[in-house]
Amino acid sequence: MDPHPPPPPDRSFAKKSWGIVAGLAVFMPINMVVLSVFTGRRSLAAGLVFAAATVGVTALLYRLRWRWPAIGISVGFAVMTIVTGGVCTLFRYKEYGEFAGLFYLLIVVLAVAAAGVASAVEAGRSGRA
């Protein structure tokens, strides 16, 4: 018997969207805590350890069948790296990317809005609106 049964096949697009949003939303506070821990000793090596830990957490969540939040955390890491140029994830420089962090927050808010629209459309199609 498989210790991790497959998820139910009726996972809707809206539920998958909310899972990705959850992963995006969880990544930001984790990133803030890691940034505060590494204040003063920021280096590329510390950033690579953070990247490896992020990969480990997403792999564990994926293995536990929490695939959409795992994808959201991975996308969150990638987006934060792109938006901040590696300042907030790979710790390449000593300065912070405060405005880039606000831009990431805006991306999360837009993802919440998109998931809400997906839920509304799905509810309208099923007649539960």
N, C-alpha and C. Protein backbone atom coordinates (compact mmCIF):
# COMPACT_ATOMS: atom_id res chain seq x y z
N MET A 1 0.84 -1.18 0.00
CA MET A 1 0.00 0.00 0.00
C MET A 1 0.89 1.25 0.00
N ASP A 2 0.57 2.21 -0.84
CA ASP A 2 1.34 3.44 -0.96
C ASP A 2 1.15 4.30 0.29
N PRO A 3 2.25 4.71 0.97
CA PRO A 3 2.08 5.52 2.18
C PRO A 3 1.56 6.92 1.88
N HIS A 4 1.69 7.35 0.63
CA HIS A 4 1.19 8.66 0.24
C HIS A 4 0.19 8.49 -0.89
N PRO A 5 -1.08 8.32 -0.55
CA PRO A 5 -2.07 8.11 -1.61
C PRO A 5 -2.17 9.33 -2.50
N PRO A 6 -2.52 9.13 -3.76
CA PRO A 6 -2.64 10.27 -4.67
C PRO A 6 -3.78 11.19 -4.25
N PRO A 7 -3.66 12.47 -4.58
CA PRO A 7 -4.74 13.39 -4.22
C PRO A 7 -6.00 13.05 -5.00
N PRO A 8 -7.13 13.48 -4.48
CA PRO A 8 -8.38 13.19 -5.20
C PRO A 8 -8.33 13.82 -6.60
N PRO A 9 -8.90 13.14 -7.58
CA PRO A 9 -8.82 13.63 -8.96
C PRO A 9 -9.64 14.87 -9.25
N ASP A 10 -10.50 15.28 -8.33
CA ASP A 10 -11.37 16.42 -8.60
C ASP A 10 -10.79 17.75 -8.14
N ARG A 11 -9.46 17.85 -8.09
CA ARG A 11 -8.83 19.12 -7.73
C ARG A 11 -9.10 20.15 -8.82
N SER A 12 -9.74 21.19 -8.46
CA SER A 12 -10.13 22.19 -9.44
C SER A 12 -8.99 23.19 -9.69
N PHE A 13 -9.14 23.93 -10.77
CA PHE A 13 -8.15 24.96 -11.09
C PHE A 13 -8.08 26.00 -9.98
N ALA A 14 -9.22 26.34 -9.41
CA ALA A 14 -9.25 27.34 -8.34
C ALA A 14 -8.48 26.84 -7.11
N LYS A 15 -8.66 25.58 -6.75
CA LYS A 15 -7.94 25.03 -5.59
C LYS A 15 -6.43 24.98 -5.85
N LYS A 16 -6.06 24.64 -7.08
CA LYS A 16 -4.64 24.65 -7.43
C LYS A 16 -4.09 26.07 -7.35
N SER A 17 -4.87 27.03 -7.82
CA SER A 17 -4.44 28.43 -7.78
C SER A 17 -4.24 28.90 -6.35
N TRP A 18 -5.17 28.53 -5.48
CA TRP A 18 -5.03 28.93 -4.07
C TRP A 18 -3.83 28.24 -3.42
N GLY A 19 -3.51 27.02 -3.84
CA GLY A 19 -2.32 26.35 -3.33
C GLY A 19 -1.05 27.10 -3.72
N ILE A 20 -0.98 27.55 -4.96
CA ILE A 20 0.18 28.32 -5.42
C ILE A 20 0.26 29.64 -4.65
N VAL A 21 -0.88 30.30 -4.46
CA VAL A 21 -0.91 31.55 -3.70
C VAL A 21 -0.43 31.32 -2.27
N ALA A 22 -0.84 30.20 -1.67
CA ALA A 22 -0.38 29.89 -0.31
C ALA A 22 1.14 29.76 -0.27
N GLY A 23 1.71 29.08 -1.26
CA GLY A 23 3.16 28.95 -1.32
C GLY A 23 3.85 30.28 -1.50
N LEU A 24 3.31 31.13 -2.37
CA LEU A 24 3.86 32.48 -2.56
C LEU A 24 3.80 33.28 -1.26
N ALA A 25 2.68 33.19 -0.58
CA ALA A 25 2.49 33.97 0.65
C ALA A 25 3.36 33.46 1.78
N VAL A 26 3.59 32.16 1.85
CA VAL A 26 4.43 31.58 2.91
C VAL A 26 5.90 31.92 2.69
N PHE A 27 6.31 32.04 1.44
CA PHE A 27 7.72 32.29 1.17
C PHE A 27 8.19 33.64 1.70
N MET A 28 7.37 34.66 1.61
CA MET A 28 7.83 36.01 1.98
C MET A 28 8.20 36.12 3.45
N PRO A 29 7.36 35.68 4.41
CA PRO A 29 7.78 35.79 5.81
C PRO A 29 9.01 34.92 6.12
N ILE A 30 9.10 33.76 5.47
CA ILE A 30 10.28 32.93 5.68
C ILE A 30 11.52 33.67 5.19
N ASN A 31 11.42 34.32 4.04
CA ASN A 31 12.54 35.08 3.50
C ASN A 31 12.91 36.23 4.43
N MET A 32 11.91 36.90 5.02
CA MET A 32 12.20 37.99 5.95
C MET A 32 12.94 37.50 7.19
N VAL A 33 12.54 36.35 7.72
CA VAL A 33 13.22 35.80 8.89
C VAL A 33 14.67 35.45 8.55
N VAL A 34 14.86 34.81 7.40
CA VAL A 34 16.23 34.43 6.99
C VAL A 34 17.07 35.68 6.78
N LEU A 35 16.49 36.71 6.17
CA LEU A 35 17.23 37.96 5.99
C LEU A 35 17.66 38.56 7.32
N SER A 36 16.77 38.53 8.31
CA SER A 36 17.12 39.10 9.61
C SER A 36 18.18 38.26 10.32
N VAL A 37 18.17 36.95 10.11
CA VAL A 37 19.17 36.09 10.73
C VAL A 37 20.55 36.35 10.13
N PHE A 38 20.60 36.57 8.83
CA PHE A 38 21.88 36.74 8.15
C PHE A 38 22.34 38.20 8.06
N THR A 39 21.70 39.10 8.79
CA THR A 39 22.12 40.50 8.77
C THR A 39 23.55 40.59 9.29
N GLY A 40 24.41 41.22 8.52
CA GLY A 40 25.80 41.38 8.93
C GLY A 40 26.73 40.30 8.41
N ARG A 41 26.21 39.14 8.06
CA ARG A 41 27.07 38.08 7.52
C ARG A 41 26.51 37.52 6.23
N ARG A 42 26.11 38.43 5.39
CA ARG A 42 25.53 38.04 4.10
C ARG A 42 26.65 37.64 3.15
N SER A 43 26.48 36.52 2.51
CA SER A 43 27.46 36.06 1.53
C SER A 43 26.76 35.15 0.54
N LEU A 44 27.42 34.90 -0.56
CA LEU A 44 26.85 34.01 -1.57
C LEU A 44 26.72 32.59 -1.01
N ALA A 45 27.66 32.18 -0.16
CA ALA A 45 27.58 30.84 0.44
C ALA A 45 26.32 30.70 1.29
N ALA A 46 26.01 31.73 2.09
CA ALA A 46 24.79 31.70 2.91
C ALA A 46 23.56 31.66 2.00
N GLY A 47 23.62 32.41 0.90
CA GLY A 47 22.51 32.40 -0.04
C GLY A 47 22.31 31.04 -0.69
N LEU A 48 23.41 30.37 -1.00
CA LEU A 48 23.29 29.03 -1.60
C LEU A 48 22.75 28.02 -0.60
N VAL A 49 23.08 28.19 0.68
CA VAL A 49 22.50 27.33 1.72
C VAL A 49 20.99 27.57 1.81
N PHE A 50 20.58 28.84 1.73
CA PHE A 50 19.15 29.16 1.74
C PHE A 50 18.45 28.56 0.53
N ALA A 51 19.10 28.63 -0.63
CA ALA A 51 18.53 28.04 -1.85
C ALA A 51 18.38 26.53 -1.69
N ALA A 52 19.41 25.88 -1.12
CA ALA A 52 19.34 24.43 -0.91
C ALA A 52 18.24 24.07 0.08
N ALA A 53 18.08 24.88 1.13
CA ALA A 53 17.01 24.63 2.10
C ALA A 53 15.64 24.81 1.45
N THR A 54 15.51 25.80 0.58
CA THR A 54 14.25 26.01 -0.13
C THR A 54 13.93 24.82 -1.02
N VAL A 55 14.94 24.32 -1.72
CA VAL A 55 14.74 23.13 -2.56
C VAL A 55 14.33 21.93 -1.70
N GLY A 56 14.96 21.78 -0.54
CA GLY A 56 14.61 20.67 0.36
C GLY A 56 13.18 20.75 0.85
N VAL A 57 12.75 21.94 1.25
CA VAL A 57 11.37 22.11 1.74
C VAL A 57 10.37 21.84 0.62
N THR A 58 10.64 22.36 -0.57
CA THR A 58 9.70 22.13 -1.67
C THR A 58 9.67 20.67 -2.07
N ALA A 59 10.82 19.99 -2.02
CA ALA A 59 10.84 18.56 -2.34
C ALA A 59 10.04 17.77 -1.31
N LEU A 60 10.18 18.13 -0.05
CA LEU A 60 9.42 17.45 1.01
C LEU A 60 7.92 17.67 0.83
N LEU A 61 7.53 18.92 0.58
CA LEU A 61 6.11 19.19 0.37
C LEU A 61 5.58 18.46 -0.86
N TYR A 62 6.38 18.44 -1.91
CA TYR A 62 5.96 17.73 -3.12
C TYR A 62 5.78 16.25 -2.83
N ARG A 63 6.70 15.69 -2.07
CA ARG A 63 6.61 14.26 -1.72
C ARG A 63 5.39 13.96 -0.86
N LEU A 64 5.01 14.92 -0.02
CA LEU A 64 3.84 14.76 0.84
C LEU A 64 2.52 15.08 0.12
N ARG A 65 2.62 15.27 -1.20
CA ARG A 65 1.46 15.54 -2.07
C ARG A 65 0.88 16.93 -1.89
N TRP A 66 1.65 17.86 -1.32
CA TRP A 66 1.26 19.26 -1.25
C TRP A 66 1.95 19.97 -2.41
N ARG A 67 1.62 19.55 -3.60
CA ARG A 67 2.36 19.96 -4.79
C ARG A 67 2.17 21.43 -5.13
N TRP A 68 0.98 21.94 -5.04
CA TRP A 68 0.74 23.31 -5.46
C TRP A 68 1.35 24.32 -4.52
N PRO A 69 1.28 24.14 -3.19
CA PRO A 69 2.05 25.05 -2.32
C PRO A 69 3.56 24.93 -2.55
N ALA A 70 4.04 23.73 -2.84
CA ALA A 70 5.48 23.56 -3.13
C ALA A 70 5.86 24.34 -4.38
N ILE A 71 5.01 24.28 -5.39
CA ILE A 71 5.26 25.05 -6.62
C ILE A 71 5.23 26.55 -6.30
N GLY A 72 4.31 26.96 -5.45
CA GLY A 72 4.24 28.38 -5.06
C GLY A 72 5.50 28.85 -4.35
N ILE A 73 6.07 28.02 -3.47
CA ILE A 73 7.31 28.39 -2.78
C ILE A 73 8.45 28.48 -3.79
N SER A 74 8.52 27.53 -4.71
CA SER A 74 9.57 27.57 -5.74
C SER A 74 9.44 28.81 -6.61
N VAL A 75 8.22 29.11 -7.03
CA VAL A 75 7.99 30.30 -7.84
C VAL A 75 8.31 31.55 -7.03
N GLY A 76 7.96 31.55 -5.75
CA GLY A 76 8.28 32.68 -4.88
C GLY A 76 9.78 32.93 -4.80
N PHE A 77 10.56 31.87 -4.65
CA PHE A 77 12.02 32.01 -4.61
C PHE A 77 12.53 32.58 -5.93
N ALA A 78 12.02 32.04 -7.03
CA ALA A 78 12.47 32.51 -8.35
C ALA A 78 12.09 33.96 -8.59
N VAL A 79 10.86 34.33 -8.25
CA VAL A 79 10.40 35.70 -8.47
C VAL A 79 11.19 36.66 -7.58
N MET A 80 11.39 36.31 -6.32
CA MET A 80 12.13 37.19 -5.41
C MET A 80 13.58 37.35 -5.89
N THR A 81 14.16 36.28 -6.42
CA THR A 81 15.53 36.36 -6.93
C THR A 81 15.59 37.29 -8.14
N ILE A 82 14.63 37.15 -9.04
CA ILE A 82 14.60 37.99 -10.24
C ILE A 82 14.32 39.45 -9.88
N VAL A 83 13.35 39.68 -9.02
CA VAL A 83 12.93 41.04 -8.70
C VAL A 83 14.03 41.79 -7.94
N THR A 84 14.74 41.10 -7.05
CA THR A 84 15.75 41.77 -6.24
C THR A 84 17.16 41.59 -6.79
N GLY A 85 17.33 40.88 -7.87
CA GLY A 85 18.66 40.65 -8.41
C GLY A 85 19.52 39.80 -7.49
N GLY A 86 18.90 38.96 -6.69
CA GLY A 86 19.64 38.08 -5.79
C GLY A 86 19.94 38.68 -4.43
N VAL A 87 19.56 39.93 -4.20
CA VAL A 87 19.86 40.59 -2.92
C VAL A 87 19.13 39.90 -1.77
N CYS A 88 17.88 39.53 -1.97
CA CYS A 88 17.07 38.97 -0.88
C CYS A 88 17.09 37.45 -0.80
N THR A 89 17.69 36.79 -1.77
CA THR A 89 17.70 35.33 -1.73
C THR A 89 19.10 34.74 -1.76
N LEU A 90 19.97 35.27 -2.58
CA LEU A 90 21.33 34.75 -2.67
C LEU A 90 22.32 35.57 -1.87
N PHE A 91 21.87 36.66 -1.26
CA PHE A 91 22.67 37.49 -0.34
C PHE A 91 23.98 37.94 -0.97
N ARG A 92 23.92 38.34 -2.24
CA ARG A 92 25.14 38.71 -2.95
C ARG A 92 25.68 40.05 -2.51
N TYR A 93 24.85 40.95 -2.03
CA TYR A 93 25.29 42.29 -1.67
C TYR A 93 24.86 42.61 -0.26
N LYS A 94 25.42 43.65 0.30
CA LYS A 94 25.10 44.02 1.68
C LYS A 94 23.82 44.83 1.79
N GLU A 95 23.40 45.51 0.73
CA GLU A 95 22.19 46.33 0.83
C GLU A 95 20.94 45.46 0.66
N TYR A 96 19.83 46.05 1.01
CA TYR A 96 18.57 45.34 0.95
C TYR A 96 17.75 45.82 -0.24
N GLY A 97 16.77 45.03 -0.60
CA GLY A 97 15.88 45.40 -1.69
C GLY A 97 14.48 45.66 -1.18
N GLU A 98 14.35 46.73 -0.38
CA GLU A 98 13.04 47.02 0.23
C GLU A 98 11.95 47.23 -0.81
N PHE A 99 12.26 48.01 -1.83
CA PHE A 99 11.24 48.28 -2.83
C PHE A 99 10.92 47.03 -3.64
N ALA A 100 11.92 46.21 -3.87
CA ALA A 100 11.67 44.96 -4.57
C ALA A 100 10.80 44.04 -3.71
N GLY A 101 10.96 44.07 -2.40
CA GLY A 101 10.10 43.30 -1.52
C GLY A 101 8.65 43.77 -1.60
N LEU A 102 8.46 45.08 -1.73
CA LEU A 102 7.11 45.60 -1.91
C LEU A 102 6.54 45.18 -3.25
N PHE A 103 7.39 45.13 -4.27
CA PHE A 103 6.95 44.67 -5.58
C PHE A 103 6.54 43.19 -5.50
N TYR A 104 7.28 42.37 -4.75
CA TYR A 104 6.90 40.97 -4.56
C TYR A 104 5.55 40.89 -3.85
N LEU A 105 5.34 41.74 -2.85
CA LEU A 105 4.06 41.76 -2.15
C LEU A 105 2.93 42.10 -3.11
N LEU A 106 3.17 43.03 -4.03
CA LEU A 106 2.17 43.36 -5.04
C LEU A 106 1.88 42.15 -5.93
N ILE A 107 2.90 41.39 -6.27
CA ILE A 107 2.71 40.18 -7.07
C ILE A 107 1.83 39.18 -6.32
N VAL A 108 2.06 39.03 -5.01
CA VAL A 108 1.24 38.12 -4.20
C VAL A 108 -0.21 38.60 -4.17
N VAL A 109 -0.41 39.90 -4.01
CA VAL A 109 -1.78 40.44 -4.00
C VAL A 109 -2.47 40.19 -5.34
N LEU A 110 -1.75 40.37 -6.43
CA LEU A 110 -2.33 40.08 -7.75
C LEU A 110 -2.63 38.59 -7.91
N ALA A 111 -1.79 37.73 -7.34
CA ALA A 111 -2.05 36.29 -7.40
C ALA A 111 -3.30 35.94 -6.60
N VAL A 112 -3.49 36.60 -5.46
CA VAL A 112 -4.71 36.39 -4.66
C VAL A 112 -5.94 36.81 -5.46
N ALA A 113 -5.83 37.94 -6.14
CA ALA A 113 -6.96 38.41 -6.96
C ALA A 113 -7.25 37.42 -8.10
N ALA A 114 -6.20 36.91 -8.74
CA ALA A 114 -6.40 35.95 -9.83
C ALA A 114 -7.04 34.67 -9.32
N ALA A 115 -6.60 34.19 -8.15
CA ALA A 115 -7.20 32.97 -7.59
C ALA A 115 -8.65 33.23 -7.19
N GLY A 116 -8.95 34.43 -6.70
CA GLY A 116 -10.33 34.78 -6.38
C GLY A 116 -11.21 34.80 -7.62
N VAL A 117 -10.69 35.34 -8.71
CA VAL A 117 -11.44 35.34 -9.96
C VAL A 117 -11.66 33.91 -10.44
N ALA A 118 -10.63 33.07 -10.34
CA ALA A 118 -10.78 31.67 -10.75
C ALA A 118 -11.85 30.97 -9.92
N SER A 119 -11.88 31.26 -8.62
CA SER A 119 -12.91 30.67 -7.75
C SER A 119 -14.30 31.15 -8.13
N ALA A 120 -14.43 32.44 -8.42
CA ALA A 120 -15.73 33.00 -8.79
C ALA A 120 -16.22 32.41 -10.12
N VAL A 121 -15.31 32.29 -11.08
CA VAL A 121 -15.69 31.71 -12.37
C VAL A 121 -16.12 30.26 -12.20
N GLU A 122 -15.36 29.53 -11.40
CA GLU A 122 -15.68 28.12 -11.18
C GLU A 122 -17.02 27.97 -10.46
N ALA A 123 -17.28 28.83 -9.49
CA ALA A 123 -18.55 28.77 -8.78
C ALA A 123 -19.70 29.13 -9.72
N GLY A 124 -19.47 30.08 -10.60
CA GLY A 124 -20.51 30.47 -11.56
C GLY A 124 -20.81 29.37 -12.54
N ARG A 125 -19.81 28.63 -12.95
CA ARG A 125 -20.01 27.54 -13.91
C ARG A 125 -20.73 26.37 -13.28
N SER A 126 -20.53 26.16 -12.01
CA SER A 126 -21.15 24.99 -11.38
C SER A 126 -22.55 25.30 -10.85
N GLY A 127 -22.95 26.57 -10.94
CA GLY A 127 -24.29 26.92 -10.51
C GLY A 127 -24.42 27.19 -9.03
N ARG A 128 -23.31 27.30 -8.34
CA ARG A 128 -23.36 27.58 -6.89
C ARG A 128 -23.24 29.05 -6.59
N ALA A 129 -23.25 29.88 -7.60
CA ALA A 129 -23.04 31.32 -7.38
C ALA A 129 -24.23 31.97 -6.73
